[in-house]
Amino acid sequence: MANSTMVTEFLLMGFAEGWKLRFLYSMLFLLMFLATLLGNLLIVTVTTADQNLHTPMYFFLRNLSILDMCYISVTVPNACVNSLTGNRAISVAGCAAQIFLVIYCAFVEVLFLSIMAWDRYVAICQPLHYSTIINVRFCVRMTVVSLLSGLVYAGAHTGNTFVLNFCGSNTLPQFFCDIPSLLRLSCSDTSSNQLSILVSAVFVCGGSFVFIAMSYVRIFSAVFKFPAQEQGKAFSTCVPHVLVVSIFLSSMACVYLRPAADTVTIQDMMLSVFYTMVPPFLNPVLYSLRNKQVKEAVRRVILRKVHSGAR
């Protein structure tokens, strides 16, 4: 250990070996990034500008959209620039910041999705008590608790990772900094880190999955008793949420709970894409294109802008 050189920077993996493939993947991910920003910005604008959408459901959807814009911005722009320029280096401080932000955004997203499931459960299964349970104080309190607890969670895992020694290879088998990749490079004992990841992943992801699953079991049990027209309306808001939650939690669990390996495969990188890029990309598509209220609100906002511009 004494003769080893301590790592001062890391080298990230590109999207592919050949220039043509790197360019193709970079353009694809860049288009996904821009579409994600535009879609989520549209949701934020519409849910803010339209008074009819000033409800708890769209309050949380707006928060989720803001978070998703931040989430995808942590990894994709830097990865695309690195892949196109060939400059794969990232400082230890930059790597720590990226890990902190990825974990923070992922953790808060899990909490937001859980809160949104609870919101749908109360709205469908306890409609008479909805305004009492899901009020302004509840919305603000849950948002603040989620944001603050995310700081603690991300700070704990980031700090626990960077107390390790990195004195071997500095090439990360990933297109962004993440904890599983760093643990492969560490020359310290990482058993406590792996245990903390396992416990926290089971507690956070597993607990959220069970909570969301139980909420939707009760929701769907209630929905099947509704008239056909009301069933369609309920399913249009619930099914997209279930789809996003399933993709997000399953891919993240596969990345963080699978045994560490010496080599990385294309499947590893694709799983990382699925939990860092796909949910932020899908949220505006599913919630806007499949939601009648959002589509009508978009028309109202556009017409309002057209009329105000014509005066």
C-alpha atoms as a PDB file:
ATOM      1  CA  MET A   1       0.000   0.000   0.000  1.00  0.00           C
ATOM      2  CA  ALA A   2       2.858   2.351   0.768  1.00  0.00           C
ATOM      3  CA  ASN A   3       4.273   2.012  -2.747  1.00  0.00           C
ATOM      4  CA  SER A   4       0.928   2.707  -4.440  1.00  0.00           C
ATOM      5  CA  THR A   5       0.099   6.035  -6.008  1.00  0.00           C
ATOM      6  CA  MET A   6      -3.027   7.628  -4.596  1.00  0.00           C
ATOM      7  CA  VAL A   7      -5.686   8.487  -7.172  1.00  0.00           C
ATOM      8  CA  THR A   8      -6.188  12.221  -7.773  1.00  0.00           C
ATOM      9  CA  GLU A   9      -8.643  11.915 -10.666  1.00  0.00           C
ATOM     10  CA  PHE A  10     -10.809   9.307 -12.330  1.00  0.00           C
ATOM     11  CA  LEU A  11     -11.299   8.393 -15.973  1.00  0.00           C
ATOM     12  CA  LEU A  12     -14.898   7.799 -17.028  1.00  0.00           C
ATOM     13  CA  MET A  13     -15.861   5.269 -19.664  1.00  0.00           C
ATOM     14  CA  GLY A  14     -17.182   6.535 -22.985  1.00  0.00           C
ATOM     15  CA  PHE A  15     -20.417   5.352 -24.567  1.00  0.00           C
ATOM     16  CA  ALA A  16     -18.495   3.216 -27.094  1.00  0.00           C
ATOM     17  CA  GLU A  17     -15.016   2.611 -28.484  1.00  0.00           C
ATOM     18  CA  GLY A  18     -15.391   3.875 -32.059  1.00  0.00           C
ATOM     19  CA  TRP A  19     -15.901   7.564 -32.836  1.00  0.00           C
ATOM     20  CA  LYS A  20     -19.010   6.953 -34.950  1.00  0.00           C
ATOM     21  CA  LEU A  21     -20.749   4.984 -32.229  1.00  0.00           C
ATOM     22  CA  ARG A  22     -19.715   7.526 -29.580  1.00  0.00           C
ATOM     23  CA  PHE A  23     -21.154  10.314 -31.733  1.00  0.00           C
ATOM     24  CA  LEU A  24     -24.378   8.362 -32.336  1.00  0.00           C
ATOM     25  CA  TYR A  25     -24.929   7.572 -28.644  1.00  0.00           C
ATOM     26  CA  SER A  26     -23.989  11.101 -27.618  1.00  0.00           C
ATOM     27  CA  MET A  27     -26.523  12.614 -30.019  1.00  0.00           C
ATOM     28  CA  LEU A  28     -29.190  10.146 -28.880  1.00  0.00           C
ATOM     29  CA  PHE A  29     -28.651  10.921 -25.201  1.00  0.00           C
ATOM     30  CA  LEU A  30     -28.396  14.635 -25.915  1.00  0.00           C
ATOM     31  CA  LEU A  31     -31.762  14.545 -27.703  1.00  0.00           C
ATOM     32  CA  MET A  32     -33.251  12.642 -24.740  1.00  0.00           C
ATOM     33  CA  PHE A  33     -31.777  15.282 -22.435  1.00  0.00           C
ATOM     34  CA  LEU A  34     -33.241  18.195 -24.408  1.00  0.00           C
ATOM     35  CA  ALA A  35     -36.626  16.463 -24.739  1.00  0.00           C
ATOM     36  CA  THR A  36     -36.630  15.818 -20.990  1.00  0.00           C
ATOM     37  CA  LEU A  37     -35.873  19.450 -20.211  1.00  0.00           C
ATOM     38  CA  LEU A  38     -38.542  20.741 -22.600  1.00  0.00           C
ATOM     39  CA  GLY A  39     -41.191  18.242 -21.460  1.00  0.00           C
ATOM     40  CA  ASN A  40     -40.650  18.840 -17.764  1.00  0.00           C
ATOM     41  CA  LEU A  41     -40.408  22.590 -18.276  1.00  0.00           C
ATOM     42  CA  LEU A  42     -43.768  22.417 -20.057  1.00  0.00           C
ATOM     43  CA  ILE A  43     -45.322  20.648 -17.061  1.00  0.00           C
ATOM     44  CA  VAL A  44     -43.828  23.186 -14.628  1.00  0.00           C
ATOM     45  CA  THR A  45     -45.111  26.087 -16.760  1.00  0.00           C
ATOM     46  CA  VAL A  46     -48.599  24.692 -17.274  1.00  0.00           C
ATOM     47  CA  THR A  47     -49.167  23.571 -13.677  1.00  0.00           C
ATOM     48  CA  THR A  48     -48.007  26.985 -12.482  1.00  0.00           C
ATOM     49  CA  ALA A  49     -49.909  29.118 -14.990  1.00  0.00           C
ATOM     50  CA  ASP A  50     -53.236  27.255 -15.016  1.00  0.00           C
ATOM     51  CA  GLN A  51     -55.342  27.795 -11.896  1.00  0.00           C
ATOM     52  CA  ASN A  52     -57.294  24.578 -12.510  1.00  0.00           C
ATOM     53  CA  LEU A  53     -54.115  22.579 -11.860  1.00  0.00           C
ATOM     54  CA  HIS A  54     -53.349  24.182  -8.496  1.00  0.00           C
ATOM     55  CA  THR A  55     -54.139  20.930  -6.692  1.00  0.00           C
ATOM     56  CA  PRO A  56     -51.953  18.635  -4.538  1.00  0.00           C
ATOM     57  CA  MET A  57     -51.555  16.094  -7.351  1.00  0.00           C
ATOM     58  CA  TYR A  58     -50.118  18.673  -9.739  1.00  0.00           C
ATOM     59  CA  PHE A  59     -48.142  20.340  -6.962  1.00  0.00           C
ATOM     60  CA  PHE A  60     -46.212  17.087  -6.526  1.00  0.00           C
ATOM     61  CA  LEU A  61     -46.032  16.577 -10.289  1.00  0.00           C
ATOM     62  CA  ARG A  62     -44.483  20.046 -10.637  1.00  0.00           C
ATOM     63  CA  ASN A  63     -41.950  19.234  -7.914  1.00  0.00           C
ATOM     64  CA  LEU A  64     -41.151  15.943  -9.642  1.00  0.00           C
ATOM     65  CA  SER A  65     -40.593  17.733 -12.955  1.00  0.00           C
ATOM     66  CA  ILE A  66     -38.205  20.250 -11.389  1.00  0.00           C
ATOM     67  CA  LEU A  67     -36.329  17.412  -9.715  1.00  0.00           C
ATOM     68  CA  ASP A  68     -36.147  15.423 -12.966  1.00  0.00           C
ATOM     69  CA  MET A  69     -34.599  18.376 -14.813  1.00  0.00           C
ATOM     70  CA  CYS A  70     -31.921  18.552 -12.129  1.00  0.00           C
ATOM     71  CA  TYR A  71     -31.492  14.773 -12.026  1.00  0.00           C
ATOM     72  CA  ILE A  72     -30.773  14.272 -15.716  1.00  0.00           C
ATOM     73  CA  SER A  73     -28.574  17.398 -15.819  1.00  0.00           C
ATOM     74  CA  VAL A  74     -26.155  15.847 -13.300  1.00  0.00           C
ATOM     75  CA  THR A  75     -24.984  13.067 -15.632  1.00  0.00           C
ATOM     76  CA  VAL A  76     -25.973  13.429 -19.286  1.00  0.00           C
ATOM     77  CA  PRO A  77     -24.389  16.761 -20.401  1.00  0.00           C
ATOM     78  CA  ASN A  78     -21.011  15.910 -18.875  1.00  0.00           C
ATOM     79  CA  ALA A  79     -21.106  12.357 -20.270  1.00  0.00           C
ATOM     80  CA  CYS A  80     -21.925  13.607 -23.785  1.00  0.00           C
ATOM     81  CA  VAL A  81     -19.158  16.237 -23.736  1.00  0.00           C
ATOM     82  CA  ASN A  82     -16.636  13.713 -22.421  1.00  0.00           C
ATOM     83  CA  SER A  83     -17.602  11.146 -25.035  1.00  0.00           C
ATOM     84  CA  LEU A  84     -17.405  13.626 -27.921  1.00  0.00           C
ATOM     85  CA  THR A  85     -14.159  15.330 -26.872  1.00  0.00           C
ATOM     86  CA  GLY A  86     -12.406  12.240 -25.557  1.00  0.00           C
ATOM     87  CA  ASN A  87     -11.596  14.067 -22.315  1.00  0.00           C
ATOM     88  CA  ARG A  88     -12.727  11.446 -19.817  1.00  0.00           C
ATOM     89  CA  ALA A  89     -11.028  12.856 -16.704  1.00  0.00           C
ATOM     90  CA  ILE A  90     -13.008  13.954 -13.655  1.00  0.00           C
ATOM     91  CA  SER A  91     -11.467  15.181 -10.420  1.00  0.00           C
ATOM     92  CA  VAL A  92     -12.040  13.409  -7.126  1.00  0.00           C
ATOM     93  CA  ALA A  93     -14.013  16.443  -5.906  1.00  0.00           C
ATOM     94  CA  GLY A  94     -16.071  16.473  -9.115  1.00  0.00           C
ATOM     95  CA  CYS A  95     -16.724  12.753  -8.767  1.00  0.00           C
ATOM     96  CA  ALA A  96     -17.835  13.212  -5.149  1.00  0.00           C
ATOM     97  CA  ALA A  97     -20.167  16.053  -6.166  1.00  0.00           C
ATOM     98  CA  GLN A  98     -21.682  13.960  -8.955  1.00  0.00           C
ATOM     99  CA  ILE A  99     -22.267  10.981  -6.649  1.00  0.00           C
ATOM    100  CA  PHE A 100     -23.841  13.226  -4.029  1.00  0.00           C
ATOM    101  CA  LEU A 101     -26.210  14.826  -6.545  1.00  0.00           C
ATOM    102  CA  VAL A 102     -27.189  11.530  -8.225  1.00  0.00           C
ATOM    103  CA  ILE A 103     -27.978   9.887  -4.878  1.00  0.00           C
ATOM    104  CA  TYR A 104     -29.789  13.002  -3.648  1.00  0.00           C
ATOM    105  CA  CYS A 105     -32.000  13.258  -6.737  1.00  0.00           C
ATOM    106  CA  ALA A 106     -32.695   9.507  -6.821  1.00  0.00           C
ATOM    107  CA  PHE A 107     -33.599   9.403  -3.116  1.00  0.00           C
ATOM    108  CA  VAL A 108     -35.901  12.430  -3.317  1.00  0.00           C
ATOM    109  CA  GLU A 109     -37.500  11.016  -6.479  1.00  0.00           C
ATOM    110  CA  VAL A 110     -38.326   7.787  -4.618  1.00  0.00           C
ATOM    111  CA  LEU A 111     -39.955   9.813  -1.839  1.00  0.00           C
ATOM    112  CA  PHE A 112     -41.890  12.011  -4.290  1.00  0.00           C
ATOM    113  CA  LEU A 113     -43.204   8.938  -6.133  1.00  0.00           C
ATOM    114  CA  SER A 114     -44.280   7.412  -2.809  1.00  0.00           C
ATOM    115  CA  ILE A 115     -46.072  10.608  -1.785  1.00  0.00           C
ATOM    116  CA  MET A 116     -47.803  10.743  -5.168  1.00  0.00           C
ATOM    117  CA  ALA A 117     -49.016   7.160  -4.671  1.00  0.00           C
ATOM    118  CA  TRP A 118     -50.430   8.136  -1.268  1.00  0.00           C
ATOM    119  CA  ASP A 119     -52.093  11.182  -2.847  1.00  0.00           C
ATOM    120  CA  ARG A 120     -53.808   8.972  -5.459  1.00  0.00           C
ATOM    121  CA  TYR A 121     -54.857   6.469  -2.788  1.00  0.00           C
ATOM    122  CA  VAL A 122     -56.542   9.133  -0.664  1.00  0.00           C
ATOM    123  CA  ALA A 123     -58.147  10.803  -3.708  1.00  0.00           C
ATOM    124  CA  ILE A 124     -59.685   7.560  -4.986  1.00  0.00           C
ATOM    125  CA  CYS A 125     -60.299   5.540  -1.818  1.00  0.00           C
ATOM    126  CA  GLN A 126     -61.087   8.338   0.645  1.00  0.00           C
ATOM    127  CA  PRO A 127     -62.431  11.179  -1.528  1.00  0.00           C
ATOM    128  CA  LEU A 128     -64.545  12.733   1.244  1.00  0.00           C
ATOM    129  CA  HIS A 129     -61.474  13.169   3.457  1.00  0.00           C
ATOM    130  CA  TYR A 130     -59.092  14.212   0.668  1.00  0.00           C
ATOM    131  CA  SER A 131     -59.091  17.963   1.329  1.00  0.00           C
ATOM    132  CA  THR A 132     -58.581  17.333   5.037  1.00  0.00           C
ATOM    133  CA  ILE A 133     -55.693  14.866   4.686  1.00  0.00           C
ATOM    134  CA  ILE A 134     -53.918  16.218   1.591  1.00  0.00           C
ATOM    135  CA  ASN A 135     -53.924  19.936   2.390  1.00  0.00           C
ATOM    136  CA  VAL A 136     -51.413  22.712   1.738  1.00  0.00           C
ATOM    137  CA  ARG A 137     -49.597  22.093   5.012  1.00  0.00           C
ATOM    138  CA  PHE A 138     -49.189  18.396   4.183  1.00  0.00           C
ATOM    139  CA  CYS A 139     -47.836  19.168   0.698  1.00  0.00           C
ATOM    140  CA  VAL A 140     -45.282  21.700   1.914  1.00  0.00           C
ATOM    141  CA  ARG A 141     -44.247  19.580   4.892  1.00  0.00           C
ATOM    142  CA  MET A 142     -43.711  16.432   2.815  1.00  0.00           C
ATOM    143  CA  THR A 143     -41.718  18.347   0.212  1.00  0.00           C
ATOM    144  CA  VAL A 144     -39.425  19.931   2.808  1.00  0.00           C
ATOM    145  CA  VAL A 145     -38.942  16.621   4.650  1.00  0.00           C
ATOM    146  CA  SER A 146     -38.060  14.884   1.367  1.00  0.00           C
ATOM    147  CA  LEU A 147     -35.538  17.531   0.359  1.00  0.00           C
ATOM    148  CA  LEU A 148     -33.847  17.697   3.768  1.00  0.00           C
ATOM    149  CA  SER A 149     -33.716  13.939   4.316  1.00  0.00           C
ATOM    150  CA  GLY A 150     -32.184  13.605   0.855  1.00  0.00           C
ATOM    151  CA  LEU A 151     -29.296  15.821   1.970  1.00  0.00           C
ATOM    152  CA  VAL A 152     -28.624  13.573   4.964  1.00  0.00           C
ATOM    153  CA  TYR A 153     -28.929  10.348   2.964  1.00  0.00           C
ATOM    154  CA  ALA A 154     -26.727  11.508   0.071  1.00  0.00           C
ATOM    155  CA  GLY A 155     -24.178  13.078   2.412  1.00  0.00           C
ATOM    156  CA  ALA A 156     -23.857   9.893   4.473  1.00  0.00           C
ATOM    157  CA  HIS A 157     -23.274   7.626   1.462  1.00  0.00           C
ATOM    158  CA  THR A 158     -20.924  10.049  -0.292  1.00  0.00           C
ATOM    159  CA  GLY A 159     -18.852  10.570   2.841  1.00  0.00           C
ATOM    160  CA  ASN A 160     -18.761   6.828   3.550  1.00  0.00           C
ATOM    161  CA  THR A 161     -17.460   6.207   0.017  1.00  0.00           C
ATOM    162  CA  PHE A 162     -14.725   8.829  -0.051  1.00  0.00           C
ATOM    163  CA  VAL A 163     -13.121   7.791   3.231  1.00  0.00           C
ATOM    164  CA  LEU A 164     -11.886   4.768   1.248  1.00  0.00           C
ATOM    165  CA  ASN A 165      -8.454   4.677  -0.370  1.00  0.00           C
ATOM    166  CA  PHE A 166      -8.208   4.541  -4.155  1.00  0.00           C
ATOM    167  CA  CYS A 167      -4.694   3.543  -5.034  1.00  0.00           C
ATOM    168  CA  GLY A 168      -4.996   1.244  -8.042  1.00  0.00           C
ATOM    169  CA  SER A 169      -6.581   1.820 -11.427  1.00  0.00           C
ATOM    170  CA  ASN A 170      -8.424   5.120 -11.823  1.00  0.00           C
ATOM    171  CA  THR A 171     -10.646   4.032 -14.736  1.00  0.00           C
ATOM    172  CA  LEU A 172     -14.303   3.919 -13.712  1.00  0.00           C
ATOM    173  CA  PRO A 173     -16.331   1.313 -15.627  1.00  0.00           C
ATOM    174  CA  GLN A 174     -19.249   3.741 -16.023  1.00  0.00           C
ATOM    175  CA  PHE A 175     -20.108   6.924 -17.931  1.00  0.00           C
ATOM    176  CA  PHE A 176     -20.644   8.812 -14.657  1.00  0.00           C
ATOM    177  CA  CYS A 177     -19.428   8.434 -11.084  1.00  0.00           C
ATOM    178  CA  ASP A 178     -21.438   5.993  -9.013  1.00  0.00           C
ATOM    179  CA  ILE A 179     -20.735   4.096  -5.816  1.00  0.00           C
ATOM    180  CA  PRO A 180     -20.679   0.505  -7.198  1.00  0.00           C
ATOM    181  CA  SER A 181     -18.018   1.520  -9.746  1.00  0.00           C
ATOM    182  CA  LEU A 182     -15.883   3.231  -7.093  1.00  0.00           C
ATOM    183  CA  LEU A 183     -16.067   0.230  -4.765  1.00  0.00           C
ATOM    184  CA  ARG A 184     -14.526  -1.869  -7.547  1.00  0.00           C
ATOM    185  CA  LEU A 185     -11.493   0.447  -7.583  1.00  0.00           C
ATOM    186  CA  SER A 186     -10.939   0.815  -3.859  1.00  0.00           C
ATOM    187  CA  CYS A 187      -7.964  -0.883  -2.190  1.00  0.00           C
ATOM    188  CA  SER A 188      -9.685  -0.585   1.214  1.00  0.00           C
ATOM    189  CA  ASP A 189     -12.076  -3.048   2.818  1.00  0.00           C
ATOM    190  CA  THR A 190     -15.469  -2.209   1.290  1.00  0.00           C
ATOM    191  CA  SER A 191     -17.575  -4.756   3.189  1.00  0.00           C
ATOM    192  CA  SER A 192     -19.107  -2.085   5.445  1.00  0.00           C
ATOM    193  CA  ASN A 193     -19.903   0.063   2.404  1.00  0.00           C
ATOM    194  CA  GLN A 194     -21.580  -2.831   0.630  1.00  0.00           C
ATOM    195  CA  LEU A 195     -23.561  -3.650   3.767  1.00  0.00           C
ATOM    196  CA  SER A 196     -24.735  -0.050   4.157  1.00  0.00           C
ATOM    197  CA  ILE A 197     -25.784   0.037   0.498  1.00  0.00           C
ATOM    198  CA  LEU A 198     -27.675  -3.237   0.905  1.00  0.00           C
ATOM    199  CA  VAL A 199     -29.466  -2.122   4.073  1.00  0.00           C
ATOM    200  CA  SER A 200     -30.341   1.342   2.764  1.00  0.00           C
ATOM    201  CA  ALA A 201     -31.440   0.020  -0.651  1.00  0.00           C
ATOM    202  CA  VAL A 202     -33.693  -2.583   0.955  1.00  0.00           C
ATOM    203  CA  PHE A 203     -35.074  -0.006   3.373  1.00  0.00           C
ATOM    204  CA  VAL A 204     -35.561   2.846   0.871  1.00  0.00           C
ATOM    205  CA  CYS A 205     -36.328   1.041  -2.399  1.00  0.00           C
ATOM    206  CA  GLY A 206     -37.958  -1.991  -0.813  1.00  0.00           C
ATOM    207  CA  GLY A 207     -39.975   0.056   1.652  1.00  0.00           C
ATOM    208  CA  SER A 208     -41.124   2.462  -1.068  1.00  0.00           C
ATOM    209  CA  PHE A 209     -42.003  -0.389  -3.402  1.00  0.00           C
ATOM    210  CA  VAL A 210     -44.099  -2.134  -0.738  1.00  0.00           C
ATOM    211  CA  PHE A 211     -45.799   1.150   0.217  1.00  0.00           C
ATOM    212  CA  ILE A 212     -46.561   2.039  -3.413  1.00  0.00           C
ATOM    213  CA  ALA A 213     -47.667  -1.516  -4.257  1.00  0.00           C
ATOM    214  CA  MET A 214     -50.053  -1.629  -1.290  1.00  0.00           C
ATOM    215  CA  SER A 215     -51.445   1.789  -2.232  1.00  0.00           C
ATOM    216  CA  TYR A 216     -52.153   0.673  -5.791  1.00  0.00           C
ATOM    217  CA  VAL A 217     -53.616  -2.680  -4.771  1.00  0.00           C
ATOM    218  CA  ARG A 218     -56.188  -0.744  -2.742  1.00  0.00           C
ATOM    219  CA  ILE A 219     -56.625   1.817  -5.528  1.00  0.00           C
ATOM    220  CA  PHE A 220     -57.287  -0.800  -8.223  1.00  0.00           C
ATOM    221  CA  SER A 221     -59.619  -2.707  -5.895  1.00  0.00           C
ATOM    222  CA  ALA A 222     -61.658   0.468  -5.491  1.00  0.00           C
ATOM    223  CA  VAL A 223     -61.443   1.455  -9.175  1.00  0.00           C
ATOM    224  CA  PHE A 224     -62.978  -1.823 -10.377  1.00  0.00           C
ATOM    225  CA  LYS A 225     -66.132  -0.879  -8.464  1.00  0.00           C
ATOM    226  CA  PHE A 226     -66.464   2.409 -10.385  1.00  0.00           C
ATOM    227  CA  PRO A 227     -68.527   2.943 -13.548  1.00  0.00           C
ATOM    228  CA  ALA A 228     -66.626   2.322 -16.793  1.00  0.00           C
ATOM    229  CA  GLN A 229     -66.097   6.053 -17.507  1.00  0.00           C
ATOM    230  CA  GLU A 230     -64.684   6.702 -14.045  1.00  0.00           C
ATOM    231  CA  GLN A 231     -62.422   3.651 -14.324  1.00  0.00           C
ATOM    232  CA  GLY A 232     -60.794   5.112 -17.430  1.00  0.00           C
ATOM    233  CA  LYS A 233     -60.128   8.421 -15.708  1.00  0.00           C
ATOM    234  CA  ALA A 234     -58.580   6.723 -12.659  1.00  0.00           C
ATOM    235  CA  PHE A 235     -56.429   4.392 -14.746  1.00  0.00           C
ATOM    236  CA  SER A 236     -55.142   7.307 -16.867  1.00  0.00           C
ATOM    237  CA  THR A 237     -53.529   8.871 -13.781  1.00  0.00           C
ATOM    238  CA  CYS A 238     -52.468   5.668 -11.992  1.00  0.00           C
ATOM    239  CA  VAL A 239     -51.039   3.420 -14.713  1.00  0.00           C
ATOM    240  CA  PRO A 240     -48.324   5.916 -15.826  1.00  0.00           C
ATOM    241  CA  HIS A 241     -47.238   6.292 -12.215  1.00  0.00           C
ATOM    242  CA  VAL A 242     -46.970   2.506 -11.770  1.00  0.00           C
ATOM    243  CA  LEU A 243     -44.921   2.224 -14.986  1.00  0.00           C
ATOM    244  CA  VAL A 244     -42.429   4.932 -13.974  1.00  0.00           C
ATOM    245  CA  VAL A 245     -42.056   3.530 -10.457  1.00  0.00           C
ATOM    246  CA  SER A 246     -41.455   0.002 -11.763  1.00  0.00           C
ATOM    247  CA  ILE A 247     -38.759   1.059 -14.238  1.00  0.00           C
ATOM    248  CA  PHE A 248     -37.037   3.355 -11.766  1.00  0.00           C
ATOM    249  CA  LEU A 249     -36.924   1.077  -8.718  1.00  0.00           C
ATOM    250  CA  SER A 250     -36.160  -2.161 -10.573  1.00  0.00           C
ATOM    251  CA  SER A 251     -33.246  -0.731 -12.567  1.00  0.00           C
ATOM    252  CA  MET A 252     -31.781   1.062  -9.535  1.00  0.00           C
ATOM    253  CA  ALA A 253     -32.054  -2.091  -7.418  1.00  0.00           C
ATOM    254  CA  CYS A 254     -30.264  -4.125 -10.105  1.00  0.00           C
ATOM    255  CA  VAL A 255     -27.374  -1.637 -10.201  1.00  0.00           C
ATOM    256  CA  TYR A 256     -26.865  -1.296  -6.448  1.00  0.00           C
ATOM    257  CA  LEU A 257     -27.732  -4.809  -5.241  1.00  0.00           C
ATOM    258  CA  ARG A 258     -25.977  -6.982  -7.813  1.00  0.00           C
ATOM    259  CA  PRO A 259     -22.627  -8.511  -6.742  1.00  0.00           C
ATOM    260  CA  ALA A 260     -19.536  -6.499  -7.629  1.00  0.00           C
ATOM    261  CA  ALA A 261     -17.675  -7.679 -10.733  1.00  0.00           C
ATOM    262  CA  ASP A 262     -14.243  -6.846 -12.121  1.00  0.00           C
ATOM    263  CA  THR A 263     -15.569  -5.998 -15.558  1.00  0.00           C
ATOM    264  CA  VAL A 264     -18.520  -3.961 -16.718  1.00  0.00           C
ATOM    265  CA  THR A 265     -20.912  -5.048 -19.458  1.00  0.00           C
ATOM    266  CA  ILE A 266     -23.225  -3.149 -21.769  1.00  0.00           C
ATOM    267  CA  GLN A 267     -26.078  -4.393 -19.571  1.00  0.00           C
ATOM    268  CA  ASP A 268     -24.576  -2.548 -16.590  1.00  0.00           C
ATOM    269  CA  MET A 269     -24.487   0.710 -18.529  1.00  0.00           C
ATOM    270  CA  MET A 270     -28.013   0.218 -19.856  1.00  0.00           C
ATOM    271  CA  LEU A 271     -29.325  -0.335 -16.318  1.00  0.00           C
ATOM    272  CA  SER A 272     -27.692   2.949 -15.306  1.00  0.00           C
ATOM    273  CA  VAL A 273     -29.386   4.656 -18.254  1.00  0.00           C
ATOM    274  CA  PHE A 274     -32.727   3.253 -17.116  1.00  0.00           C
ATOM    275  CA  TYR A 275     -32.546   4.752 -13.642  1.00  0.00           C
ATOM    276  CA  THR A 276     -30.829   8.050 -14.511  1.00  0.00           C
ATOM    277  CA  MET A 277     -32.340   8.991 -17.903  1.00  0.00           C
ATOM    278  CA  VAL A 278     -35.520   7.035 -18.607  1.00  0.00           C
ATOM    279  CA  PRO A 279     -37.734   8.119 -15.647  1.00  0.00           C
ATOM    280  CA  PRO A 280     -37.071  11.866 -16.151  1.00  0.00           C
ATOM    281  CA  PHE A 281     -37.702  11.377 -19.886  1.00  0.00           C
ATOM    282  CA  LEU A 282     -40.910   9.359 -19.429  1.00  0.00           C
ATOM    283  CA  ASN A 283     -42.547  11.463 -16.728  1.00  0.00           C
ATOM    284  CA  PRO A 284     -43.589  14.399 -18.958  1.00  0.00           C
ATOM    285  CA  VAL A 285     -44.589  12.037 -21.792  1.00  0.00           C
ATOM    286  CA  LEU A 286     -46.819   9.872 -19.600  1.00  0.00           C
ATOM    287  CA  TYR A 287     -48.261  12.627 -17.426  1.00  0.00           C
ATOM    288  CA  SER A 288     -48.919  15.126 -20.232  1.00  0.00           C
ATOM    289  CA  LEU A 289     -49.749  13.128 -23.349  1.00  0.00           C
ATOM    290  CA  ARG A 290     -51.925  10.627 -21.459  1.00  0.00           C
ATOM    291  CA  ASN A 291     -53.551  13.135 -19.102  1.00  0.00           C
ATOM    292  CA  LYS A 292     -56.621  14.954 -20.372  1.00  0.00           C
ATOM    293  CA  GLN A 293     -56.432  17.727 -17.762  1.00  0.00           C
ATOM    294  CA  VAL A 294     -52.827  18.564 -18.644  1.00  0.00           C
ATOM    295  CA  LYS A 295     -53.549  18.585 -22.379  1.00  0.00           C
ATOM    296  CA  GLU A 296     -56.529  20.906 -21.857  1.00  0.00           C
ATOM    297  CA  ALA A 297     -54.403  23.149 -19.630  1.00  0.00           C
ATOM    298  CA  VAL A 298     -51.716  23.354 -22.325  1.00  0.00           C
ATOM    299  CA  ARG A 299     -54.353  24.504 -24.834  1.00  0.00           C
ATOM    300  CA  ARG A 300     -55.651  27.133 -22.400  1.00  0.00           C
ATOM    301  CA  VAL A 301     -52.167  28.476 -21.678  1.00  0.00           C
ATOM    302  CA  ILE A 302     -51.295  28.623 -25.407  1.00  0.00           C
ATOM    303  CA  LEU A 303     -54.579  30.355 -26.264  1.00  0.00           C
ATOM    304  CA  ARG A 304     -54.023  32.825 -23.429  1.00  0.00           C
ATOM    305  CA  LYS A 305     -50.562  33.646 -24.755  1.00  0.00           C
ATOM    306  CA  VAL A 306     -51.898  34.024 -28.308  1.00  0.00           C
ATOM    307  CA  HIS A 307     -54.697  36.353 -27.211  1.00  0.00           C
ATOM    308  CA  SER A 308     -52.378  38.440 -25.041  1.00  0.00           C
ATOM    309  CA  GLY A 309     -49.878  38.720 -27.911  1.00  0.00           C
ATOM    310  CA  ALA A 310     -52.585  39.811 -30.350  1.00  0.00           C
ATOM    311  CA  ARG A 311     -53.610  42.790 -28.211  1.00  0.00           C
END
